PDB file of all heavy atoms in Angstrom:
ATOM      1  N   VAL A   1       4.707  -4.741  -1.599  1.00  0.00           N
ATOM      2  CA  VAL A   1       4.871  -6.155  -1.933  1.00  0.00           C
ATOM      3  C   VAL A   1       4.018  -6.628  -3.103  1.00  0.00           C
ATOM      4  O   VAL A   1       4.403  -7.555  -3.798  1.00  0.00           O
ATOM      5  CB  VAL A   1       4.626  -7.074  -0.711  1.00  0.00           C
ATOM      6  CG1 VAL A   1       5.703  -6.889   0.322  1.00  0.00           C
ATOM      7  CG2 VAL A   1       3.265  -6.864  -0.121  1.00  0.00           C
ATOM      8  N   GLN A   2       2.865  -6.014  -3.322  1.00  0.00           N
ATOM      9  CA  GLN A   2       2.015  -6.474  -4.422  1.00  0.00           C
ATOM     10  C   GLN A   2       1.002  -5.402  -4.794  1.00  0.00           C
ATOM     11  O   GLN A   2       0.450  -4.729  -3.930  1.00  0.00           O
ATOM     12  CB  GLN A   2       1.280  -7.750  -4.011  1.00  0.00           C
ATOM     13  CG  GLN A   2       0.493  -8.375  -5.121  1.00  0.00           C
ATOM     14  CD  GLN A   2      -0.135  -9.691  -4.681  1.00  0.00           C
ATOM     15  OE1 GLN A   2      -0.013 -10.113  -3.539  1.00  0.00           O
ATOM     16  NE2 GLN A   2      -0.822 -10.338  -5.607  1.00  0.00           N
ATOM     17  N   GLU A   3       0.766  -5.303  -6.087  1.00  0.00           N
ATOM     18  CA  GLU A   3      -0.221  -4.357  -6.612  1.00  0.00           C
ATOM     19  C   GLU A   3      -1.383  -5.170  -7.157  1.00  0.00           C
ATOM     20  O   GLU A   3      -1.175  -6.216  -7.775  1.00  0.00           O
ATOM     21  CB  GLU A   3       0.443  -3.544  -7.723  1.00  0.00           C
ATOM     22  CG  GLU A   3      -0.391  -2.429  -8.267  1.00  0.00           C
ATOM     23  CD  GLU A   3       0.394  -1.633  -9.295  1.00  0.00           C
ATOM     24  OE1 GLU A   3       0.541  -2.131 -10.432  1.00  0.00           O
ATOM     25  OE2 GLU A   3       0.846  -0.541  -8.961  1.00  0.00           O
ATOM     26  N   SER A   4      -2.598  -4.716  -6.936  1.00  0.00           N
ATOM     27  CA  SER A   4      -3.747  -5.443  -7.481  1.00  0.00           C
ATOM     28  C   SER A   4      -3.724  -5.343  -9.006  1.00  0.00           C
ATOM     29  O   SER A   4      -3.063  -4.467  -9.571  1.00  0.00           O
ATOM     30  CB  SER A   4      -5.052  -4.861  -6.934  1.00  0.00           C
ATOM     31  OG  SER A   4      -5.324  -3.626  -7.557  1.00  0.00           O
ATOM     32  N   PRO A   5      -4.437  -6.216  -9.688  1.00  0.00           N
ATOM     33  CA  PRO A   5      -4.437  -6.185 -11.153  1.00  0.00           C
ATOM     34  C   PRO A   5      -4.876  -4.836 -11.740  1.00  0.00           C
ATOM     35  O   PRO A   5      -4.463  -4.465 -12.822  1.00  0.00           O
ATOM     36  CB  PRO A   5      -5.427  -7.282 -11.539  1.00  0.00           C
ATOM     37  CG  PRO A   5      -5.421  -8.219 -10.380  1.00  0.00           C
ATOM     38  CD  PRO A   5      -5.196  -7.358  -9.171  1.00  0.00           C
ATOM     39  N   TRP A   6      -5.681  -4.093 -11.005  1.00  0.00           N
ATOM     40  CA  TRP A   6      -6.153  -2.787 -11.476  1.00  0.00           C
ATOM     41  C   TRP A   6      -5.308  -1.636 -10.946  1.00  0.00           C
ATOM     42  O   TRP A   6      -5.606  -0.482 -11.199  1.00  0.00           O
ATOM     43  CB  TRP A   6      -7.619  -2.591 -11.084  1.00  0.00           C
ATOM     44  CG  TRP A   6      -8.461  -3.674 -11.672  1.00  0.00           C
ATOM     45  CD1 TRP A   6      -8.988  -3.715 -12.931  1.00  0.00           C
ATOM     46  CD2 TRP A   6      -8.837  -4.895 -11.053  1.00  0.00           C
ATOM     47  NE1 TRP A   6      -9.667  -4.889 -13.122  1.00  0.00           N
ATOM     48  CE2 TRP A   6      -9.588  -5.644 -11.983  1.00  0.00           C
ATOM     49  CE3 TRP A   6      -8.601  -5.458  -9.805  1.00  0.00           C
ATOM     50  CZ2 TRP A   6     -10.110  -6.893 -11.703  1.00  0.00           C
ATOM     51  CZ3 TRP A   6      -9.126  -6.705  -9.525  1.00  0.00           C
ATOM     52  CH2 TRP A   6      -9.868  -7.406 -10.471  1.00  0.00           C
ATOM     53  N   GLY A   7      -4.272  -1.962 -10.171  1.00  0.00           N
ATOM     54  CA  GLY A   7      -3.359  -0.949  -9.659  1.00  0.00           C
ATOM     55  C   GLY A   7      -3.757  -0.326  -8.336  1.00  0.00           C
ATOM     56  O   GLY A   7      -3.019   0.466  -7.773  1.00  0.00           O
ATOM     57  N   ASP A   8      -4.908  -0.670  -7.818  1.00  0.00           N
ATOM     58  CA  ASP A   8      -5.384  -0.094  -6.566  1.00  0.00           C
ATOM     59  C   ASP A   8      -6.309  -1.099  -5.907  1.00  0.00           C
ATOM     60  O   ASP A   8      -7.267  -1.540  -6.560  1.00  0.00           O
ATOM     61  CB  ASP A   8      -6.126   1.209  -6.854  1.00  0.00           C
ATOM     62  CG  ASP A   8      -6.233   2.133  -5.674  1.00  0.00           C
ATOM     63  OD1 ASP A   8      -5.482   1.951  -4.705  1.00  0.00           O
ATOM     64  OD2 ASP A   8      -7.064   3.056  -5.717  1.00  0.00           O
ATOM     65  N   PRO A   9      -6.097  -1.549  -4.699  1.00  0.00           N
ATOM     66  CA  PRO A   9      -5.091  -1.104  -3.736  1.00  0.00           C
ATOM     67  C   PRO A   9      -3.735  -1.768  -3.958  1.00  0.00           C
ATOM     68  O   PRO A   9      -3.570  -2.621  -4.824  1.00  0.00           O
ATOM     69  CB  PRO A   9      -5.680  -1.543  -2.400  1.00  0.00           C
ATOM     70  CG  PRO A   9      -6.444  -2.783  -2.734  1.00  0.00           C
ATOM     71  CD  PRO A   9      -7.004  -2.550  -4.121  1.00  0.00           C
ATOM     72  N   VAL A  10      -2.795  -1.379  -3.094  1.00  0.00           N
ATOM     73  CA  VAL A  10      -1.449  -1.939  -3.094  1.00  0.00           C
ATOM     74  C   VAL A  10      -1.202  -2.532  -1.709  1.00  0.00           C
ATOM     75  O   VAL A  10      -1.614  -1.947  -0.703  1.00  0.00           O
ATOM     76  CB  VAL A  10      -0.397  -0.856  -3.416  1.00  0.00           C
ATOM     77  CG1 VAL A  10       1.012  -1.414  -3.327  1.00  0.00           C
ATOM     78  CG2 VAL A  10      -0.652  -0.263  -4.800  1.00  0.00           C
ATOM     79  N   ALA A  11      -0.540  -3.697  -1.670  1.00  0.00           N
ATOM     80  CA  ALA A  11      -0.217  -4.346  -0.397  1.00  0.00           C
ATOM     81  C   ALA A  11       1.178  -3.911   0.041  1.00  0.00           C
ATOM     82  O   ALA A  11       2.115  -3.920  -0.758  1.00  0.00           O
ATOM     83  CB  ALA A  11      -0.270  -5.859  -0.551  1.00  0.00           C
ATOM     84  N   TYR A  12       1.286  -3.525   1.312  1.00  0.00           N
ATOM     85  CA  TYR A  12       2.553  -3.068   1.893  1.00  0.00           C
ATOM     86  C   TYR A  12       2.892  -3.917   3.105  1.00  0.00           C
ATOM     87  O   TYR A  12       2.019  -4.212   3.931  1.00  0.00           O
ATOM     88  CB  TYR A  12       2.450  -1.602   2.330  1.00  0.00           C
ATOM     89  CG  TYR A  12       2.142  -0.659   1.215  1.00  0.00           C
ATOM     90  CD1 TYR A  12       0.834  -0.242   0.972  1.00  0.00           C
ATOM     91  CD2 TYR A  12       3.146  -0.189   0.384  1.00  0.00           C
ATOM     92  CE1 TYR A  12       0.538   0.619  -0.063  1.00  0.00           C
ATOM     93  CE2 TYR A  12       2.861   0.678  -0.663  1.00  0.00           C
ATOM     94  CZ  TYR A  12       1.555   1.075  -0.877  1.00  0.00           C
ATOM     95  OH  TYR A  12       1.271   1.920  -1.913  1.00  0.00           O
ATOM     96  N   ALA A  13       4.159  -4.304   3.228  1.00  0.00           N
ATOM     97  CA  ALA A  13       4.636  -5.003   4.417  1.00  0.00           C
ATOM     98  C   ALA A  13       5.111  -3.945   5.403  1.00  0.00           C
ATOM     99  O   ALA A  13       5.953  -3.103   5.074  1.00  0.00           O
ATOM    100  CB  ALA A  13       5.783  -5.937   4.063  1.00  0.00           C
ATOM    101  N   VAL A  14       4.545  -3.992   6.607  1.00  0.00           N
ATOM    102  CA  VAL A  14       4.905  -3.036   7.646  1.00  0.00           C
ATOM    103  C   VAL A  14       4.687  -3.705   9.007  1.00  0.00           C
ATOM    104  O   VAL A  14       3.665  -4.351   9.224  1.00  0.00           O
ATOM    105  CB  VAL A  14       4.092  -1.723   7.501  1.00  0.00           C
ATOM    106  CG1 VAL A  14       2.613  -1.946   7.626  1.00  0.00           C
ATOM    107  CG2 VAL A  14       4.547  -0.666   8.484  1.00  0.00           C
ATOM    108  N   CYS A  15       5.664  -3.608   9.879  1.00  0.00           N
ATOM    109  CA  CYS A  15       5.571  -4.153  11.240  1.00  0.00           C
ATOM    110  C   CYS A  15       5.162  -5.622  11.266  1.00  0.00           C
ATOM    111  O   CYS A  15       4.351  -6.032  12.106  1.00  0.00           O
ATOM    112  CB  CYS A  15       4.608  -3.322  12.083  1.00  0.00           C
ATOM    113  SG  CYS A  15       5.209  -1.688  12.446  1.00  0.00           S
ATOM    114  N   GLY A  16       5.684  -6.433  10.354  1.00  0.00           N
ATOM    115  CA  GLY A  16       5.400  -7.856  10.355  1.00  0.00           C
ATOM    116  C   GLY A  16       4.054  -8.249   9.791  1.00  0.00           C
ATOM    117  O   GLY A  16       3.660  -9.404   9.872  1.00  0.00           O
ATOM    118  N   ALA A  17       3.331  -7.308   9.231  1.00  0.00           N
ATOM    119  CA  ALA A  17       2.015  -7.595   8.644  1.00  0.00           C
ATOM    120  C   ALA A  17       1.983  -7.071   7.210  1.00  0.00           C
ATOM    121  O   ALA A  17       2.812  -6.248   6.823  1.00  0.00           O
ATOM    122  CB  ALA A  17       0.919  -6.923   9.454  1.00  0.00           C
ATOM    123  N   VAL A  18       1.018  -7.556   6.449  1.00  0.00           N
ATOM    124  CA  VAL A  18       0.802  -7.035   5.097  1.00  0.00           C
ATOM    125  C   VAL A  18      -0.531  -6.300   5.113  1.00  0.00           C
ATOM    126  O   VAL A  18      -1.566  -6.879   5.461  1.00  0.00           O
ATOM    127  CB  VAL A  18       0.809  -8.162   4.043  1.00  0.00           C
ATOM    128  CG1 VAL A  18       0.488  -7.605   2.666  1.00  0.00           C
ATOM    129  CG2 VAL A  18       2.160  -8.862   4.026  1.00  0.00           C
ATOM    130  N   ILE A  19      -0.480  -5.025   4.757  1.00  0.00           N
ATOM    131  CA  ILE A  19      -1.648  -4.148   4.799  1.00  0.00           C
ATOM    132  C   ILE A  19      -1.933  -3.639   3.397  1.00  0.00           C
ATOM    133  O   ILE A  19      -1.028  -3.140   2.720  1.00  0.00           O
ATOM    134  CB  ILE A  19      -1.383  -2.927   5.718  1.00  0.00           C
ATOM    135  CG1 ILE A  19      -0.900  -3.348   7.103  1.00  0.00           C
ATOM    136  CG2 ILE A  19      -2.594  -2.015   5.785  1.00  0.00           C
ATOM    137  CD1 ILE A  19      -1.914  -4.056   7.941  1.00  0.00           C
ATOM    138  N   ALA A  20      -3.186  -3.733   2.953  1.00  0.00           N
ATOM    139  CA  ALA A  20      -3.583  -3.187   1.655  1.00  0.00           C
ATOM    140  C   ALA A  20      -4.138  -1.781   1.869  1.00  0.00           C
ATOM    141  O   ALA A  20      -5.004  -1.573   2.717  1.00  0.00           O
ATOM    142  CB  ALA A  20      -4.624  -4.071   0.994  1.00  0.00           C
ATOM    143  N   LEU A  21      -3.604  -0.842   1.117  1.00  0.00           N
ATOM    144  CA  LEU A  21      -4.071   0.550   1.189  1.00  0.00           C
ATOM    145  C   LEU A  21      -4.460   1.036  -0.194  1.00  0.00           C
ATOM    146  O   LEU A  21      -3.792   0.721  -1.178  1.00  0.00           O
ATOM    147  CB  LEU A  21      -2.962   1.476   1.693  1.00  0.00           C
ATOM    148  CG  LEU A  21      -2.551   1.437   3.144  1.00  0.00           C
ATOM    149  CD1 LEU A  21      -1.470   2.474   3.391  1.00  0.00           C
ATOM    150  CD2 LEU A  21      -3.730   1.679   4.061  1.00  0.00           C
ATOM    151  N   ARG A  22      -5.513   1.835  -0.241  1.00  0.00           N
ATOM    152  CA  ARG A  22      -5.835   2.538  -1.481  1.00  0.00           C
ATOM    153  C   ARG A  22      -4.746   3.566  -1.733  1.00  0.00           C
ATOM    154  O   ARG A  22      -4.150   4.091  -0.798  1.00  0.00           O
ATOM    155  CB  ARG A  22      -7.184   3.259  -1.345  1.00  0.00           C
ATOM    156  CG  ARG A  22      -8.354   2.334  -1.354  1.00  0.00           C
ATOM    157  CD  ARG A  22      -9.657   3.143  -1.289  1.00  0.00           C
ATOM    158  NE  ARG A  22     -10.494   2.532  -0.281  1.00  0.00           N
ATOM    159  CZ  ARG A  22     -10.817   3.068   0.872  1.00  0.00           C
ATOM    160  NH1 ARG A  22     -10.429   4.278   1.187  1.00  0.00           N
ATOM    161  NH2 ARG A  22     -11.548   2.420   1.726  1.00  0.00           N
ATOM    162  N   ARG A  23      -4.508   3.857  -2.988  1.00  0.00           N
ATOM    163  CA  ARG A  23      -3.478   4.845  -3.319  1.00  0.00           C
ATOM    164  C   ARG A  23      -3.807   6.214  -2.714  1.00  0.00           C
ATOM    165  O   ARG A  23      -2.915   6.942  -2.323  1.00  0.00           O
ATOM    166  CB  ARG A  23      -3.296   4.952  -4.830  1.00  0.00           C
ATOM    167  CG  ARG A  23      -2.593   3.731  -5.397  1.00  0.00           C
ATOM    168  CD  ARG A  23      -2.179   3.952  -6.835  1.00  0.00           C
ATOM    169  NE  ARG A  23      -1.581   2.757  -7.391  1.00  0.00           N
ATOM    170  CZ  ARG A  23      -0.299   2.453  -7.298  1.00  0.00           C
ATOM    171  NH1 ARG A  23       0.528   3.248  -6.664  1.00  0.00           N
ATOM    172  NH2 ARG A  23       0.171   1.340  -7.843  1.00  0.00           N
ATOM    173  N   SER A  24      -5.078   6.541  -2.598  1.00  0.00           N
ATOM    174  CA  SER A  24      -5.455   7.825  -2.003  1.00  0.00           C
ATOM    175  C   SER A  24      -5.032   7.898  -0.533  1.00  0.00           C
ATOM    176  O   SER A  24      -4.649   8.966  -0.047  1.00  0.00           O
ATOM    177  CB  SER A  24      -6.956   8.076  -2.145  1.00  0.00           C
ATOM    178  OG  SER A  24      -7.693   7.051  -1.504  1.00  0.00           O
ATOM    179  N   ASP A  25      -5.075   6.774   0.176  1.00  0.00           N
ATOM    180  CA  ASP A  25      -4.615   6.737   1.565  1.00  0.00           C
ATOM    181  C   ASP A  25      -3.086   6.737   1.618  1.00  0.00           C
ATOM    182  O   ASP A  25      -2.489   7.429   2.439  1.00  0.00           O
ATOM    183  CB  ASP A  25      -5.147   5.508   2.289  1.00  0.00           C
ATOM    184  CG  ASP A  25      -6.645   5.564   2.502  1.00  0.00           C
ATOM    185  OD1 ASP A  25      -7.182   6.681   2.649  1.00  0.00           O
ATOM    186  OD2 ASP A  25      -7.280   4.496   2.506  1.00  0.00           O
ATOM    187  N   ALA A  26      -2.456   5.966   0.734  1.00  0.00           N
ATOM    188  CA  ALA A  26      -0.992   5.889   0.700  1.00  0.00           C
ATOM    189  C   ALA A  26      -0.373   7.239   0.348  1.00  0.00           C
ATOM    190  O   ALA A  26       0.740   7.543   0.768  1.00  0.00           O
ATOM    191  CB  ALA A  26      -0.542   4.824  -0.302  1.00  0.00           C
ATOM    192  N   ARG A  27      -1.085   8.062  -0.387  1.00  0.00           N
ATOM    193  CA  ARG A  27      -0.585   9.388  -0.790  1.00  0.00           C
ATOM    194  C   ARG A  27      -0.409  10.306   0.434  1.00  0.00           C
ATOM    195  O   ARG A  27       0.313  11.289   0.371  1.00  0.00           O
ATOM    196  CB  ARG A  27      -1.573  10.002  -1.776  1.00  0.00           C
ATOM    197  CG  ARG A  27      -1.041  11.187  -2.527  1.00  0.00           C
ATOM    198  CD  ARG A  27      -1.990  11.629  -3.652  1.00  0.00           C
ATOM    199  NE  ARG A  27      -2.080  10.570  -4.655  1.00  0.00           N
ATOM    200  CZ  ARG A  27      -3.219   9.944  -5.010  1.00  0.00           C
ATOM    201  NH1 ARG A  27      -4.368  10.273  -4.443  1.00  0.00           N
ATOM    202  NH2 ARG A  27      -3.198   9.009  -5.921  1.00  0.00           N
ATOM    203  N   GLN A  28      -1.030   9.960   1.547  1.00  0.00           N
ATOM    204  CA  GLN A  28      -0.937  10.774   2.755  1.00  0.00           C
ATOM    205  C   GLN A  28       0.257  10.396   3.640  1.00  0.00           C
ATOM    206  O   GLN A  28       0.442  10.976   4.700  1.00  0.00           O
ATOM    207  CB  GLN A  28      -2.229  10.647   3.552  1.00  0.00           C
ATOM    208  CG  GLN A  28      -3.434  11.119   2.745  1.00  0.00           C
ATOM    209  CD  GLN A  28      -4.707  10.918   3.500  1.00  0.00           C
ATOM    210  OE1 GLN A  28      -5.117  11.796   4.254  1.00  0.00           O
ATOM    211  NE2 GLN A  28      -5.340   9.776   3.322  1.00  0.00           N
ATOM    212  N   ILE A  29       1.037   9.403   3.187  1.00  0.00           N
ATOM    213  CA  ILE A  29       2.194   8.933   3.958  1.00  0.00           C
ATOM    214  C   ILE A  29       3.473   9.349   3.233  1.00  0.00           C
ATOM    215  O   ILE A  29       3.703   8.918   2.108  1.00  0.00           O
ATOM    216  CB  ILE A  29       2.145   7.399   4.116  1.00  0.00           C
ATOM    217  CG1 ILE A  29       0.842   6.994   4.817  1.00  0.00           C
ATOM    218  CG2 ILE A  29       3.365   6.906   4.887  1.00  0.00           C
ATOM    219  CD1 ILE A  29       0.587   5.498   4.844  1.00  0.00           C
ATOM    220  N   SER A  30       4.263  10.176   3.884  1.00  0.00           N
ATOM    221  CA  SER A  30       5.548  10.613   3.304  1.00  0.00           C
ATOM    222  C   SER A  30       6.607   9.569   3.597  1.00  0.00           C
ATOM    223  O   SER A  30       6.652   9.003   4.696  1.00  0.00           O
ATOM    224  CB  SER A  30       5.984  11.947   3.921  1.00  0.00           C
ATOM    225  OG  SER A  30       5.017  12.930   3.678  1.00  0.00           O
ATOM    226  N   ILE A  31       7.448   9.321   2.600  1.00  0.00           N
ATOM    227  CA  ILE A  31       8.511   8.324   2.758  1.00  0.00           C
ATOM    228  C   ILE A  31       9.826   8.860   2.223  1.00  0.00           C
ATOM    229  O   ILE A  31       9.858   9.806   1.432  1.00  0.00           O
ATOM    230  CB  ILE A  31       8.181   7.002   2.018  1.00  0.00           C
ATOM    231  CG1 ILE A  31       7.969   7.257   0.522  1.00  0.00           C
ATOM    232  CG2 ILE A  31       6.988   6.309   2.650  1.00  0.00           C
ATOM    233  CD1 ILE A  31       7.902   6.008  -0.326  1.00  0.00           C
ATOM    234  N   GLN A  32      10.887   8.215   2.657  1.00  0.00           N
ATOM    235  CA  GLN A  32      12.235   8.497   2.146  1.00  0.00           C
ATOM    236  C   GLN A  32      12.766   7.181   1.600  1.00  0.00           C
ATOM    237  O   GLN A  32      12.847   6.190   2.337  1.00  0.00           O
ATOM    238  CB  GLN A  32      13.138   9.035   3.248  1.00  0.00           C
ATOM    239  CG  GLN A  32      14.471   9.492   2.738  1.00  0.00           C
ATOM    240  CD  GLN A  32      15.209  10.279   3.801  1.00  0.00           C
ATOM    241  OE1 GLN A  32      14.988  10.108   4.997  1.00  0.00           O
ATOM    242  NE2 GLN A  32      16.081  11.151   3.371  1.00  0.00           N
TER     243      GLN A  32
END
């Protein structure tokens, strides 16, 4: 949903909430 001005972290909408994750953490989640 939103990227910080510096590109890290990124906000993700999941299960009705918005969660900010560092790209290093997001890299551990596989998606399709």
